[in-house]
Amino acid sequence: MNRRHFIRITGLSLAATLLYDKIFSATGEHFIAIALPDQVSAIVNNELVNLSRAGDLWIYQDVAVTFEEAKGVLTVFIQAPDVALSEVTLLWETSKTKNTVLNDQWERTYGDASWHQPKEGERFPWYFMEHSAAGTSGMGVKTSAASFCAWGVDNGQLTLTLDTRSGGNGVRLANRKLRAAELVSITSKGNETPFETARRFMKLMCDKPRMPKQPVYGINDWYFSYGNNSSKLILEHTRLIAPAAEGLKNRPFSMIDDGWFKTSPCGPEGKWTWGDDMITPNDNFPDMKQLADDIRKEGMRPGLWIRPLSIKAGTKKSLLLPESNTRRSDIPVLDPSIPENLETIRSYFKVYHQWGYEMVKFDYTSWDIFGKWGMQMTRDKAMTQPDWSMNDASKTNAEIISAMYKTIREAAGDIYIIGCNTFSHLSAGLFELNRIGDDTSGNEWDRTRKMGVNTLAFRGIQHGAFYAADADCVGITTKVPWDKTIKWLDLVAKSGTPLFISAQPEATKEVQLKHIKECFKLASQELPLGEPLDWMETQIPAKWKLNGKVETFNWE
């Protein structure tokens, strides 16, 4: 690879010095390519070292980083025998950008996505977009990477850090050659808007999204029950809302959220989010198969929430992640690098199939493993605390998480999967749906406005490219005025993304039921993705293009 073989693109700050239009003479095809880095460094045995360049190879003792470019994809390979490798950082010297950038997050966004001036030290997990008067560009890694990849823009330097840890320690690759990441980039075409360029880029990063056969919509009890649920309440909720889908061929789901399983003595007292296992119901749910059958009789499709890394009392300590003050977690969890634990998770789905559930939402895995939420990982610049390892220290965290996700995918079969608190880039192509933002609320309108609207605006671009993007529920409750709730309901229903409603019976009267029926009709159809038209100016966009029409929302 030599820069003489590339044609420089001008006009975009970062892209102007990093991206090249490569022409394949045999076919005449054009591919936007990323140039080789100017420097490569690594953390080896907890020591920062600089690698020396020899052609297309960067080396430090036995550590080697190599690159292969094909059709615009720059693949990074790493070899590091007999050492603990924590990360590799690629660095490009570039102009100090004054342009705006759009960030992503490791797992969910937390009301924190926006177009903004990059800050010193800021990290951009997986990808970022850049915009100037000359156009829009994007740089990222393809989904299913074998490392956790984050970009940074500091003092005229662009960096990409490939986190290769196993737990909080460096991975031990031995003689393996790690295909760490595949780098891709994009630039806008003609009069293409930033939204259109971003949509193309999402599709470039994920080769084969796994989408549901039809649009997904329905109900979820969480935002009025908050875990205080029962078979009786679930059926009341289902019977209340099922008539709103009357006559629709595409049937809605009734999701049973947290609270249905027997709690574990291993978890904090009073925490219903922690189960003894994920197949033993509590006394409020006497027959899970019968409940699924009853939901189906009412005209809805049954779904279930689980926390797959929960443990039973008496689980062997050797099967757990290490108990350590350096890994923030208030409860012991299964180590996902151990095959026996993956088989335990697989066994749950055999039961869900027998019960007849058609969708499963799994939650908490990134928090349970790493002891941090995604926003903390970005702020602290570390996925987790140091000085602990997975049982299998020969695999990176990204490889271990991907193996767990693939186990869930295989075990689920034709059951739809919603990932929640999952790593977005590792979920893409495996799960039909993914929760793309933090919780909305049935209690606080400001939280719904911040988390819901922001995540739909800035992560809706992933819908249909990675998975069906779930911006979270619409809580219809007595604690939030209907004149506010209806705005969020209308936006999600018209956006072309999944719609789930938590309808508290006391707050759901004739006027609400009539509007839910209208929204269910919309949500059951294939609609164009809603486009935030003022997303370059605000984190809570008010102006949207929805199903061909421009609508303005007052979010105050």
Foldseek 3Di string as FASTA:
>chain_A
DDCVQWAADDDFFFSRQFWTWHADVVVRDTFIAGDAFPWKWWQKQNRIDTFDDDPQWTDDVQWIWGWDDDRRKIWIKIDDAPIFTFKMKGKHQTAQDPWWKWAAFQAAAALPTATGGFDALFKGWFKMKTDDPRFIKMKGWAFLFQFTWIWHRHDRMIMIMGGFFFQQIGFNQHGDIGRGTIMHMDIDDDPDDNLRRLLVVLLVRYPAFDADPFFAAEAEACQVCVQVDALVRLLVQLLVQLVLCPPPPQFYEREYEFNFADAAPQDDPPDSQAHLAFAHGDPRYPALLVSQVSSVVSGHAYEYEHAHFHHHPPPDPVQWFDDDPQQADPGITGQLQDVVSLVSSLVSLVVVVVSRHQAYEYDDPLCNRAVDQRVVCRVVVHSHGHDGRGPNSNGGPSVSLLVSLVSNQVSNVRRAYEYESHGQSSCFRRGQEYARWDEAHLADLVSCQSTQQLRLASVVSNDPSRHQYDSYAQEQDPNDDPVQSVVSLVCCLQQQGYYYYNHDPVRCDDVNSVSSSVSVVSSRHRAHGKHQPCSNPDSRGQWIQGRNDIGGHDND
